[in-house]
Amino acid sequence: MKNVVITDYSFNDLSIEEEIFYENGINLISEKSPTKNELKALTQNADYIITQFAKLNTDIIENLIKAKIIVRYGVGYDNVDIKTARSKTIPVCNIPDYCVDEVADHTLAFILNLTRGIYKNHQKVAGGDWGLGIPLDDMKSLNDLNIGIIGYGRIGQAVVDRLIPFKPNILISDPFCSTPIQKKNLSFVEIIDLFNNSDIISLHCPSTEKTRNIISHNSLSLMKNGVSIINLGRGDLIDMDSLVNSLINKTINYVALDVFDIEPLVENHPIRNFDNVIFSSHVASASKNAVKKLRQSAAEIVIKCHNNEKLNNIVN
């Protein structure tokens, strides 16, 4: 009997996966949160691997004896050494379409909160006070703003679709998308132009060698004074030291973050000290339907591999 190893998971149980694998005669082996040594032993003899946040680095992948596939629970796959997997002819697959609406909705919620001061106003009223929660100059209408979108994949496109009715000027930068857009108030621009002209910048690109620390001291120095930055992409798209320094120097107006370079965010991280930063705990993708689709899709990719069928979403 073939074995599928689920290296780690944040769900209450694995009942969805268990049912699918049982019906197809595959034995399921899993750990909730293994140590590195446990992970190495756990995966060594796996026929198929599904991973969520566990670091499948070079040592782990080189130790695999018979793995035929690695599937990532999620859109990003930067916790998997895809180059080493490729050298061992192990395809790595992701689930790119399970949470598009959820993340796009979360992005819009961040944008509206930053421009309308919703949470700050709530705090003011809840504390017995009255009036604006943020300065009047920071109360913005989206149709007066330039919004920069970095990454025009499924989620970036869904964010733009949601923004269009609010009538901002939307600037898009994506090196992998060359199709010209012919829509009012919507244009592709070079990344430097996006940095120079955006009032709000929202990140929706994958983590690659070109995009890691795309928000850094250099790019921040090109931005408008008072820019706002939103990240629902990957945590390492932002150099956090540079971001903190810009917040200290008050060149950034507001920041909204759902993802971080190290998760969970450490208790004493300096980014926690600013009242113009709002957080969520890597939950933008969350909904009951999205999680169900994620888990079913990951299991179904394994079944395709088991049946020697054509695989979808190979990233390496």
C-alpha atoms as a PDB file:
ATOM      1  CA  MET A   1       0.000   0.000   0.000  1.00  0.00           C
ATOM      2  CA  LYS A   2       1.244   3.487  -0.891  1.00  0.00           C
ATOM      3  CA  ASN A   3       1.725   6.083   1.857  1.00  0.00           C
ATOM      4  CA  VAL A   4       0.877   9.787   1.780  1.00  0.00           C
ATOM      5  CA  VAL A   5       2.511  11.910   4.475  1.00  0.00           C
ATOM      6  CA  ILE A   6       0.910  15.161   5.609  1.00  0.00           C
ATOM      7  CA  THR A   7       3.807  16.939   7.254  1.00  0.00           C
ATOM      8  CA  ASP A   8       1.789  19.488   9.250  1.00  0.00           C
ATOM      9  CA  TYR A   9      -1.651  21.069   9.305  1.00  0.00           C
ATOM     10  CA  SER A  10      -3.670  23.740  11.100  1.00  0.00           C
ATOM     11  CA  PHE A  11      -7.082  22.078  10.694  1.00  0.00           C
ATOM     12  CA  ASN A  12      -8.993  20.394  13.511  1.00  0.00           C
ATOM     13  CA  ASP A  13      -8.634  17.000  11.859  1.00  0.00           C
ATOM     14  CA  LEU A  14      -7.867  15.327   8.533  1.00  0.00           C
ATOM     15  CA  SER A  15     -11.260  13.727   7.952  1.00  0.00           C
ATOM     16  CA  ILE A  16     -11.624  15.172   4.435  1.00  0.00           C
ATOM     17  CA  GLU A  17      -8.258  13.807   3.347  1.00  0.00           C
ATOM     18  CA  GLU A  18      -8.736  10.502   5.152  1.00  0.00           C
ATOM     19  CA  GLU A  19     -11.955   9.789   3.272  1.00  0.00           C
ATOM     20  CA  ILE A  20     -10.421  10.537  -0.125  1.00  0.00           C
ATOM     21  CA  PHE A  21      -7.291   8.474   0.501  1.00  0.00           C
ATOM     22  CA  TYR A  22      -9.183   5.557   2.054  1.00  0.00           C
ATOM     23  CA  GLU A  23     -11.401   5.322  -1.032  1.00  0.00           C
ATOM     24  CA  ASN A  24      -8.294   5.092  -3.188  1.00  0.00           C
ATOM     25  CA  GLY A  25      -6.377   2.579  -1.085  1.00  0.00           C
ATOM     26  CA  ILE A  26      -3.723   5.005   0.177  1.00  0.00           C
ATOM     27  CA  ASN A  27      -2.469   4.990   3.766  1.00  0.00           C
ATOM     28  CA  LEU A  28      -2.341   8.388   5.489  1.00  0.00           C
ATOM     29  CA  ILE A  29       0.464   9.274   7.902  1.00  0.00           C
ATOM     30  CA  SER A  30       0.483  12.701   9.545  1.00  0.00           C
ATOM     31  CA  GLU A  31       1.982  14.968  12.176  1.00  0.00           C
ATOM     32  CA  LYS A  32       0.560  18.203  13.553  1.00  0.00           C
ATOM     33  CA  SER A  33       3.846  20.088  13.934  1.00  0.00           C
ATOM     34  CA  PRO A  34       6.967  17.877  13.742  1.00  0.00           C
ATOM     35  CA  THR A  35      10.507  18.923  14.625  1.00  0.00           C
ATOM     36  CA  LYS A  36      13.088  19.000  11.829  1.00  0.00           C
ATOM     37  CA  ASN A  37      14.417  15.550  12.786  1.00  0.00           C
ATOM     38  CA  GLU A  38      10.901  14.158  13.025  1.00  0.00           C
ATOM     39  CA  LEU A  39      10.072  15.698   9.651  1.00  0.00           C
ATOM     40  CA  LYS A  40      13.110  14.083   8.051  1.00  0.00           C
ATOM     41  CA  ALA A  41      12.179  10.638   9.374  1.00  0.00           C
ATOM     42  CA  LEU A  42       8.489  11.139   8.600  1.00  0.00           C
ATOM     43  CA  THR A  43       9.011  11.975   4.932  1.00  0.00           C
ATOM     44  CA  GLN A  44      11.920   9.694   4.072  1.00  0.00           C
ATOM     45  CA  ASN A  45       9.836   6.778   2.791  1.00  0.00           C
ATOM     46  CA  ALA A  46       6.717   8.679   1.743  1.00  0.00           C
ATOM     47  CA  ASP A  47       5.284   7.979  -1.692  1.00  0.00           C
ATOM     48  CA  TYR A  48       3.367  11.272  -1.697  1.00  0.00           C
ATOM     49  CA  ILE A  49       3.766  14.383   0.477  1.00  0.00           C
ATOM     50  CA  ILE A  50       1.371  17.194   1.376  1.00  0.00           C
ATOM     51  CA  THR A  51       2.807  20.099   3.345  1.00  0.00           C
ATOM     52  CA  GLN A  52       1.417  23.288   4.842  1.00  0.00           C
ATOM     53  CA  PHE A  53       4.073  25.371   6.634  1.00  0.00           C
ATOM     54  CA  ALA A  54       6.810  22.786   7.323  1.00  0.00           C
ATOM     55  CA  LYS A  55      10.174  23.713   5.805  1.00  0.00           C
ATOM     56  CA  LEU A  56      10.983  21.138   3.149  1.00  0.00           C
ATOM     57  CA  ASN A  57      14.544  22.353   2.616  1.00  0.00           C
ATOM     58  CA  THR A  58      17.433  20.770   0.745  1.00  0.00           C
ATOM     59  CA  ASP A  59      18.266  18.308   3.535  1.00  0.00           C
ATOM     60  CA  ILE A  60      14.699  17.041   3.751  1.00  0.00           C
ATOM     61  CA  ILE A  61      14.207  16.653   0.011  1.00  0.00           C
ATOM     62  CA  GLU A  62      17.582  15.042  -0.627  1.00  0.00           C
ATOM     63  CA  ASN A  63      16.646  12.496   2.041  1.00  0.00           C
ATOM     64  CA  LEU A  64      13.498  11.418   0.174  1.00  0.00           C
ATOM     65  CA  ILE A  65      13.769   7.904  -1.200  1.00  0.00           C
ATOM     66  CA  LYS A  66      10.653   7.370  -3.298  1.00  0.00           C
ATOM     67  CA  ALA A  67       8.501  10.511  -3.193  1.00  0.00           C
ATOM     68  CA  LYS A  68       6.576  11.042  -6.432  1.00  0.00           C
ATOM     69  CA  ILE A  69       5.032  14.420  -5.623  1.00  0.00           C
ATOM     70  CA  ILE A  70       4.962  17.266  -3.090  1.00  0.00           C
ATOM     71  CA  VAL A  71       1.724  19.247  -2.778  1.00  0.00           C
ATOM     72  CA  ARG A  72       1.552  22.557  -0.891  1.00  0.00           C
ATOM     73  CA  TYR A  73      -1.614  23.425   1.006  1.00  0.00           C
ATOM     74  CA  GLY A  74      -1.789  26.970  -0.379  1.00  0.00           C
ATOM     75  CA  VAL A  75      -0.884  29.386  -3.154  1.00  0.00           C
ATOM     76  CA  GLY A  76       2.710  30.121  -2.158  1.00  0.00           C
ATOM     77  CA  TYR A  77       5.367  27.429  -2.093  1.00  0.00           C
ATOM     78  CA  ASP A  78       8.441  29.173  -0.698  1.00  0.00           C
ATOM     79  CA  ASN A  79       8.686  26.673   2.175  1.00  0.00           C
ATOM     80  CA  VAL A  80       9.643  23.999  -0.388  1.00  0.00           C
ATOM     81  CA  ASP A  81      13.059  23.799  -2.068  1.00  0.00           C
ATOM     82  CA  ILE A  82      11.625  23.467  -5.567  1.00  0.00           C
ATOM     83  CA  LYS A  83      15.035  23.391  -7.264  1.00  0.00           C
ATOM     84  CA  THR A  84      16.212  20.359  -5.304  1.00  0.00           C
ATOM     85  CA  ALA A  85      12.841  18.706  -5.846  1.00  0.00           C
ATOM     86  CA  ARG A  86      13.218  19.285  -9.574  1.00  0.00           C
ATOM     87  CA  SER A  87      16.718  17.786  -9.559  1.00  0.00           C
ATOM     88  CA  LYS A  88      15.161  14.642  -8.069  1.00  0.00           C
ATOM     89  CA  THR A  89      12.326  14.798 -10.668  1.00  0.00           C
ATOM     90  CA  ILE A  90       9.741  15.372  -7.934  1.00  0.00           C
ATOM     91  CA  PRO A  91       6.968  17.705  -9.123  1.00  0.00           C
ATOM     92  CA  VAL A  92       5.819  20.343  -6.635  1.00  0.00           C
ATOM     93  CA  CYS A  93       2.197  21.481  -6.979  1.00  0.00           C
ATOM     94  CA  ASN A  94       0.300  24.305  -5.310  1.00  0.00           C
ATOM     95  CA  ILE A  95      -3.389  25.228  -5.016  1.00  0.00           C
ATOM     96  CA  PRO A  96      -3.554  28.650  -6.703  1.00  0.00           C
ATOM     97  CA  ASP A  97      -7.303  29.169  -6.927  1.00  0.00           C
ATOM     98  CA  TYR A  98      -8.831  28.175  -3.594  1.00  0.00           C
ATOM     99  CA  CYS A  99      -9.017  31.563  -1.823  1.00  0.00           C
ATOM    100  CA  VAL A 100      -9.077  34.225  -4.522  1.00  0.00           C
ATOM    101  CA  ASP A 101     -12.296  35.904  -3.382  1.00  0.00           C
ATOM    102  CA  GLU A 102     -11.394  35.742   0.291  1.00  0.00           C
ATOM    103  CA  VAL A 103      -8.010  37.445  -0.132  1.00  0.00           C
ATOM    104  CA  ALA A 104      -9.429  40.033  -2.531  1.00  0.00           C
ATOM    105  CA  ASP A 105     -12.217  40.833  -0.047  1.00  0.00           C
ATOM    106  CA  HIS A 106      -9.673  41.116   2.773  1.00  0.00           C
ATOM    107  CA  THR A 107      -7.569  43.486   0.672  1.00  0.00           C
ATOM    108  CA  LEU A 108     -10.540  45.749   0.041  1.00  0.00           C
ATOM    109  CA  ALA A 109     -11.359  45.696   3.760  1.00  0.00           C
ATOM    110  CA  PHE A 110      -7.805  46.840   4.527  1.00  0.00           C
ATOM    111  CA  ILE A 111      -7.955  49.586   1.895  1.00  0.00           C
ATOM    112  CA  LEU A 112     -11.282  50.935   3.136  1.00  0.00           C
ATOM    113  CA  ASN A 113     -10.127  50.812   6.727  1.00  0.00           C
ATOM    114  CA  LEU A 114      -6.956  52.745   5.892  1.00  0.00           C
ATOM    115  CA  THR A 115      -8.779  55.416   3.899  1.00  0.00           C
ATOM    116  CA  ARG A 116     -11.834  55.792   6.141  1.00  0.00           C
ATOM    117  CA  GLY A 117     -10.289  55.248   9.592  1.00  0.00           C
ATOM    118  CA  ILE A 118     -12.983  52.718  10.513  1.00  0.00           C
ATOM    119  CA  TYR A 119     -11.162  50.875  13.298  1.00  0.00           C
ATOM    120  CA  LYS A 120      -9.702  54.053  14.777  1.00  0.00           C
ATOM    121  CA  ASN A 121     -13.152  55.649  14.831  1.00  0.00           C
ATOM    122  CA  HIS A 122     -14.573  52.542  16.507  1.00  0.00           C
ATOM    123  CA  GLN A 123     -11.909  52.752  19.202  1.00  0.00           C
ATOM    124  CA  LYS A 124     -12.693  56.409  19.781  1.00  0.00           C
ATOM    125  CA  VAL A 125     -16.438  55.880  20.169  1.00  0.00           C
ATOM    126  CA  ALA A 126     -16.032  52.682  22.207  1.00  0.00           C
ATOM    127  CA  GLY A 127     -13.792  54.642  24.591  1.00  0.00           C
ATOM    128  CA  GLY A 128     -16.533  57.195  25.237  1.00  0.00           C
ATOM    129  CA  ASP A 129     -15.260  59.854  22.847  1.00  0.00           C
ATOM    130  CA  TRP A 130     -16.730  61.267  19.627  1.00  0.00           C
ATOM    131  CA  GLY A 131     -15.433  62.621  16.324  1.00  0.00           C
ATOM    132  CA  LEU A 132     -12.947  61.522  13.682  1.00  0.00           C
ATOM    133  CA  GLY A 133     -10.653  58.624  14.499  1.00  0.00           C
ATOM    134  CA  ILE A 134      -7.905  59.815  12.150  1.00  0.00           C
ATOM    135  CA  PRO A 135      -6.940  63.316  10.953  1.00  0.00           C
ATOM    136  CA  LEU A 136      -9.285  64.859   8.397  1.00  0.00           C
ATOM    137  CA  ASP A 137      -6.433  64.978   5.861  1.00  0.00           C
ATOM    138  CA  ASP A 138      -6.231  61.171   6.058  1.00  0.00           C
ATOM    139  CA  MET A 139      -9.935  60.644   5.332  1.00  0.00           C
ATOM    140  CA  LYS A 140      -9.786  59.785   1.639  1.00  0.00           C
ATOM    141  CA  SER A 141     -12.163  58.936  -1.167  1.00  0.00           C
ATOM    142  CA  LEU A 142     -10.781  56.190  -3.392  1.00  0.00           C
ATOM    143  CA  ASN A 143     -11.631  58.090  -6.561  1.00  0.00           C
ATOM    144  CA  ASP A 144      -9.000  60.674  -5.582  1.00  0.00           C
ATOM    145  CA  LEU A 145      -6.201  58.127  -5.202  1.00  0.00           C
ATOM    146  CA  ASN A 146      -3.627  56.212  -7.231  1.00  0.00           C
ATOM    147  CA  ILE A 147      -3.621  52.581  -6.102  1.00  0.00           C
ATOM    148  CA  GLY A 148      -0.646  50.464  -7.118  1.00  0.00           C
ATOM    149  CA  ILE A 149      -1.138  46.710  -7.500  1.00  0.00           C
ATOM    150  CA  ILE A 150       2.055  44.630  -7.633  1.00  0.00           C
ATOM    151  CA  GLY A 151       1.181  41.228  -9.095  1.00  0.00           C
ATOM    152  CA  TYR A 152      -1.667  40.700 -11.537  1.00  0.00           C
ATOM    153  CA  GLY A 153      -2.385  37.023 -11.088  1.00  0.00           C
ATOM    154  CA  ARG A 154      -5.728  35.617  -9.970  1.00  0.00           C
ATOM    155  CA  ILE A 155      -5.822  37.572  -6.713  1.00  0.00           C
ATOM    156  CA  GLY A 156      -4.424  40.794  -8.153  1.00  0.00           C
ATOM    157  CA  GLN A 157      -7.061  40.691 -10.885  1.00  0.00           C
ATOM    158  CA  ALA A 158      -9.819  40.038  -8.333  1.00  0.00           C
ATOM    159  CA  VAL A 159      -8.648  43.021  -6.264  1.00  0.00           C
ATOM    160  CA  VAL A 160      -8.696  45.258  -9.342  1.00  0.00           C
ATOM    161  CA  ASP A 161     -12.202  44.053 -10.245  1.00  0.00           C
ATOM    162  CA  ARG A 162     -13.387  45.082  -6.780  1.00  0.00           C
ATOM    163  CA  LEU A 163     -11.648  48.447  -6.930  1.00  0.00           C
ATOM    164  CA  ILE A 164     -12.957  49.550 -10.338  1.00  0.00           C
ATOM    165  CA  PRO A 165     -16.427  50.612  -9.084  1.00  0.00           C
ATOM    166  CA  PHE A 166     -14.745  52.938  -6.546  1.00  0.00           C
ATOM    167  CA  LYS A 167     -13.069  54.763  -9.488  1.00  0.00           C
ATOM    168  CA  PRO A 168      -9.476  55.143  -8.295  1.00  0.00           C
ATOM    169  CA  ASN A 169      -6.622  55.378 -10.770  1.00  0.00           C
ATOM    170  CA  ILE A 170      -5.145  51.862 -10.741  1.00  0.00           C
ATOM    171  CA  LEU A 171      -1.489  51.247 -11.593  1.00  0.00           C
ATOM    172  CA  ILE A 172      -0.454  47.638 -12.202  1.00  0.00           C
ATOM    173  CA  SER A 173       3.041  46.181 -12.308  1.00  0.00           C
ATOM    174  CA  ASP A 174       3.639  42.537 -13.170  1.00  0.00           C
ATOM    175  CA  PRO A 175       6.707  41.376 -15.116  1.00  0.00           C
ATOM    176  CA  PHE A 176       4.926  38.173 -16.151  1.00  0.00           C
ATOM    177  CA  CYS A 177       1.856  39.867 -17.621  1.00  0.00           C
ATOM    178  CA  SER A 178       2.374  41.710 -20.897  1.00  0.00           C
ATOM    179  CA  THR A 179      -1.185  41.887 -22.215  1.00  0.00           C
ATOM    180  CA  PRO A 180      -2.107  45.586 -22.486  1.00  0.00           C
ATOM    181  CA  ILE A 181      -5.204  46.746 -20.626  1.00  0.00           C
ATOM    182  CA  GLN A 182      -7.533  49.155 -22.327  1.00  0.00           C
ATOM    183  CA  LYS A 183      -9.773  50.362 -19.524  1.00  0.00           C
ATOM    184  CA  LYS A 184     -10.404  53.781 -18.112  1.00  0.00           C
ATOM    185  CA  ASN A 185      -8.270  54.599 -15.057  1.00  0.00           C
ATOM    186  CA  LEU A 186      -6.362  51.300 -15.389  1.00  0.00           C
ATOM    187  CA  SER A 187      -2.836  50.941 -16.738  1.00  0.00           C
ATOM    188  CA  PHE A 188       0.272  48.779 -16.693  1.00  0.00           C
ATOM    189  CA  VAL A 189       3.350  50.693 -15.568  1.00  0.00           C
ATOM    190  CA  GLU A 190       6.986  50.000 -14.792  1.00  0.00           C
ATOM    191  CA  ILE A 191       7.591  49.221 -11.133  1.00  0.00           C
ATOM    192  CA  ILE A 192       9.505  52.482 -10.599  1.00  0.00           C
ATOM    193  CA  ASP A 193       6.535  54.465 -11.928  1.00  0.00           C
ATOM    194  CA  LEU A 194       4.255  52.586  -9.559  1.00  0.00           C
ATOM    195  CA  PHE A 195       6.525  53.413  -6.613  1.00  0.00           C
ATOM    196  CA  ASN A 196       6.737  57.075  -7.660  1.00  0.00           C
ATOM    197  CA  ASN A 197       3.025  57.686  -8.137  1.00  0.00           C
ATOM    198  CA  SER A 198       0.966  55.411  -5.854  1.00  0.00           C
ATOM    199  CA  ASP A 199      -0.866  56.632  -2.766  1.00  0.00           C
ATOM    200  CA  ILE A 200      -1.541  53.025  -1.731  1.00  0.00           C
ATOM    201  CA  ILE A 201       0.553  49.996  -2.744  1.00  0.00           C
ATOM    202  CA  SER A 202      -0.893  46.502  -2.371  1.00  0.00           C
ATOM    203  CA  LEU A 203       1.282  43.399  -2.796  1.00  0.00           C
ATOM    204  CA  HIS A 204      -0.108  40.300  -4.537  1.00  0.00           C
ATOM    205  CA  CYS A 205       2.965  38.736  -6.116  1.00  0.00           C
ATOM    206  CA  PRO A 206       4.645  35.415  -5.248  1.00  0.00           C
ATOM    207  CA  SER A 207       7.916  35.204  -3.356  1.00  0.00           C
ATOM    208  CA  THR A 208      10.728  34.822  -5.891  1.00  0.00           C
ATOM    209  CA  GLU A 209      14.339  35.918  -6.179  1.00  0.00           C
ATOM    210  CA  LYS A 210      13.117  39.085  -7.934  1.00  0.00           C
ATOM    211  CA  THR A 211      10.312  39.956  -5.509  1.00  0.00           C
ATOM    212  CA  ARG A 212      11.806  39.194  -2.095  1.00  0.00           C
ATOM    213  CA  ASN A 213      12.252  42.495  -0.242  1.00  0.00           C
ATOM    214  CA  ILE A 214      10.617  44.345  -3.112  1.00  0.00           C
ATOM    215  CA  ILE A 215       9.641  46.810  -0.392  1.00  0.00           C
ATOM    216  CA  SER A 216      13.014  47.885   0.988  1.00  0.00           C
ATOM    217  CA  HIS A 217      14.978  51.030   1.763  1.00  0.00           C
ATOM    218  CA  ASN A 218      15.611  51.600  -1.951  1.00  0.00           C
ATOM    219  CA  SER A 219      12.004  51.228  -3.103  1.00  0.00           C
ATOM    220  CA  LEU A 220      10.641  53.141  -0.099  1.00  0.00           C
ATOM    221  CA  SER A 221      12.898  56.056  -1.007  1.00  0.00           C
ATOM    222  CA  LEU A 222      11.135  56.262  -4.385  1.00  0.00           C
ATOM    223  CA  MET A 223       7.641  56.471  -2.929  1.00  0.00           C
ATOM    224  CA  LYS A 224       5.432  59.438  -2.166  1.00  0.00           C
ATOM    225  CA  ASN A 225       5.708  60.846   1.317  1.00  0.00           C
ATOM    226  CA  GLY A 226       2.644  59.501   3.128  1.00  0.00           C
ATOM    227  CA  VAL A 227       2.197  56.334   1.037  1.00  0.00           C
ATOM    228  CA  SER A 228       0.247  53.438   2.552  1.00  0.00           C
ATOM    229  CA  ILE A 229       1.403  49.828   2.101  1.00  0.00           C
ATOM    230  CA  ILE A 230      -0.675  46.646   2.220  1.00  0.00           C
ATOM    231  CA  ASN A 231       0.720  43.102   2.127  1.00  0.00           C
ATOM    232  CA  LEU A 232      -1.439  40.034   1.622  1.00  0.00           C
ATOM    233  CA  GLY A 233       1.133  38.305  -0.577  1.00  0.00           C
ATOM    234  CA  ARG A 234       4.113  36.712   1.153  1.00  0.00           C
ATOM    235  CA  GLY A 235       5.871  37.921   4.287  1.00  0.00           C
ATOM    236  CA  ASP A 236       9.316  38.230   2.725  1.00  0.00           C
ATOM    237  CA  LEU A 237       8.149  40.720   0.105  1.00  0.00           C
ATOM    238  CA  ILE A 238       8.875  43.400   2.707  1.00  0.00           C
ATOM    239  CA  ASP A 239      12.152  44.100   4.460  1.00  0.00           C
ATOM    240  CA  MET A 240      10.701  44.724   7.895  1.00  0.00           C
ATOM    241  CA  ASP A 241      13.651  46.768   9.202  1.00  0.00           C
ATOM    242  CA  SER A 242      13.242  49.198   6.310  1.00  0.00           C
ATOM    243  CA  LEU A 243       9.499  49.375   6.891  1.00  0.00           C
ATOM    244  CA  VAL A 244       9.953  50.093  10.605  1.00  0.00           C
ATOM    245  CA  ASN A 245      12.500  52.819   9.834  1.00  0.00           C
ATOM    246  CA  SER A 246      10.065  54.484   7.416  1.00  0.00           C
ATOM    247  CA  LEU A 247       7.348  54.361  10.077  1.00  0.00           C
ATOM    248  CA  ILE A 248       9.734  55.929  12.586  1.00  0.00           C
ATOM    249  CA  ASN A 249      10.594  58.649  10.072  1.00  0.00           C
ATOM    250  CA  LYS A 250       6.887  59.131   9.336  1.00  0.00           C
ATOM    251  CA  THR A 251       7.290  58.802   5.577  1.00  0.00           C
ATOM    252  CA  ILE A 252       4.635  56.064   5.535  1.00  0.00           C
ATOM    253  CA  ASN A 253       1.066  56.969   6.423  1.00  0.00           C
ATOM    254  CA  TYR A 254      -0.521  53.580   7.131  1.00  0.00           C
ATOM    255  CA  VAL A 255       0.429  49.918   6.876  1.00  0.00           C
ATOM    256  CA  ALA A 256      -1.815  46.827   6.801  1.00  0.00           C
ATOM    257  CA  LEU A 257      -0.250  43.376   7.066  1.00  0.00           C
ATOM    258  CA  ASP A 258      -1.677  39.862   6.963  1.00  0.00           C
ATOM    259  CA  VAL A 259       1.646  38.079   6.338  1.00  0.00           C
ATOM    260  CA  PHE A 260       5.074  38.407   7.943  1.00  0.00           C
ATOM    261  CA  ASP A 261       8.635  37.320   7.236  1.00  0.00           C
ATOM    262  CA  ILE A 262       8.607  35.256  10.440  1.00  0.00           C
ATOM    263  CA  GLU A 263       5.321  33.823  11.690  1.00  0.00           C
ATOM    264  CA  PRO A 264       3.814  34.037  14.172  1.00  0.00           C
ATOM    265  CA  LEU A 265       4.829  37.671  14.666  1.00  0.00           C
ATOM    266  CA  VAL A 266       7.047  37.794  17.757  1.00  0.00           C
ATOM    267  CA  GLU A 267       5.597  39.537  20.785  1.00  0.00           C
ATOM    268  CA  ASN A 268       8.295  42.209  21.006  1.00  0.00           C
ATOM    269  CA  HIS A 269       8.538  42.986  17.286  1.00  0.00           C
ATOM    270  CA  PRO A 270       8.933  46.776  16.837  1.00  0.00           C
ATOM    271  CA  ILE A 271       6.202  46.872  14.164  1.00  0.00           C
ATOM    272  CA  ARG A 272       3.711  46.311  16.994  1.00  0.00           C
ATOM    273  CA  ASN A 273       4.527  49.711  18.483  1.00  0.00           C
ATOM    274  CA  PHE A 274       2.854  51.863  15.822  1.00  0.00           C
ATOM    275  CA  ASP A 275      -0.772  52.926  16.006  1.00  0.00           C
ATOM    276  CA  ASN A 276      -0.902  53.464  12.240  1.00  0.00           C
ATOM    277  CA  VAL A 277      -0.341  49.758  11.506  1.00  0.00           C
ATOM    278  CA  ILE A 278      -3.154  47.207  11.441  1.00  0.00           C
ATOM    279  CA  PHE A 279      -2.639  43.454  11.489  1.00  0.00           C
ATOM    280  CA  SER A 280      -4.362  40.196  10.788  1.00  0.00           C
ATOM    281  CA  SER A 281      -2.775  36.829  11.513  1.00  0.00           C
ATOM    282  CA  HIS A 282      -2.347  35.296   8.029  1.00  0.00           C
ATOM    283  CA  VAL A 283      -6.093  34.694   7.842  1.00  0.00           C
ATOM    284  CA  ALA A 284      -7.009  36.501   4.613  1.00  0.00           C
ATOM    285  CA  SER A 285      -7.540  33.166   2.866  1.00  0.00           C
ATOM    286  CA  ALA A 286      -9.869  31.831   5.528  1.00  0.00           C
ATOM    287  CA  SER A 287     -13.456  30.763   4.965  1.00  0.00           C
ATOM    288  CA  LYS A 288     -15.182  27.440   5.478  1.00  0.00           C
ATOM    289  CA  ASN A 289     -15.613  26.880   1.756  1.00  0.00           C
ATOM    290  CA  ALA A 290     -12.072  27.935   0.893  1.00  0.00           C
ATOM    291  CA  VAL A 291     -10.479  25.571   3.414  1.00  0.00           C
ATOM    292  CA  LYS A 292     -12.640  22.686   2.217  1.00  0.00           C
ATOM    293  CA  LYS A 293     -11.640  23.371  -1.398  1.00  0.00           C
ATOM    294  CA  LEU A 294      -7.966  23.634  -0.399  1.00  0.00           C
ATOM    295  CA  ARG A 295      -7.959  20.258   1.333  1.00  0.00           C
ATOM    296  CA  GLN A 296      -9.955  18.454  -1.322  1.00  0.00           C
ATOM    297  CA  SER A 297      -7.799  19.892  -4.101  1.00  0.00           C
ATOM    298  CA  ALA A 298      -4.543  18.848  -2.421  1.00  0.00           C
ATOM    299  CA  ALA A 299      -5.806  15.308  -1.909  1.00  0.00           C
ATOM    300  CA  GLU A 300      -7.125  15.092  -5.466  1.00  0.00           C
ATOM    301  CA  ILE A 301      -3.733  16.085  -6.903  1.00  0.00           C
ATOM    302  CA  VAL A 302      -2.170  13.214  -4.967  1.00  0.00           C
ATOM    303  CA  ILE A 303      -4.796  10.862  -6.393  1.00  0.00           C
ATOM    304  CA  LYS A 304      -3.952  12.027  -9.923  1.00  0.00           C
ATOM    305  CA  CYS A 305      -0.307  11.238  -9.264  1.00  0.00           C
ATOM    306  CA  HIS A 306      -1.277   7.850  -7.790  1.00  0.00           C
ATOM    307  CA  ASN A 307      -3.261   7.072 -10.954  1.00  0.00           C
ATOM    308  CA  ASN A 308      -0.498   8.346 -13.274  1.00  0.00           C
ATOM    309  CA  GLU A 309      -2.744  11.107 -14.603  1.00  0.00           C
ATOM    310  CA  LYS A 310      -1.632  14.531 -15.820  1.00  0.00           C
ATOM    311  CA  LEU A 311      -0.879  16.872 -12.910  1.00  0.00           C
ATOM    312  CA  ASN A 312      -2.126  20.431 -12.543  1.00  0.00           C
ATOM    313  CA  ASN A 313      -0.312  23.427 -11.072  1.00  0.00           C
ATOM    314  CA  ILE A 314       3.274  22.139 -11.230  1.00  0.00           C
ATOM    315  CA  VAL A 315       5.463  25.036 -10.079  1.00  0.00           C
ATOM    316  CA  ASN A 316       8.923  23.509 -10.712  1.00  0.00           C
END
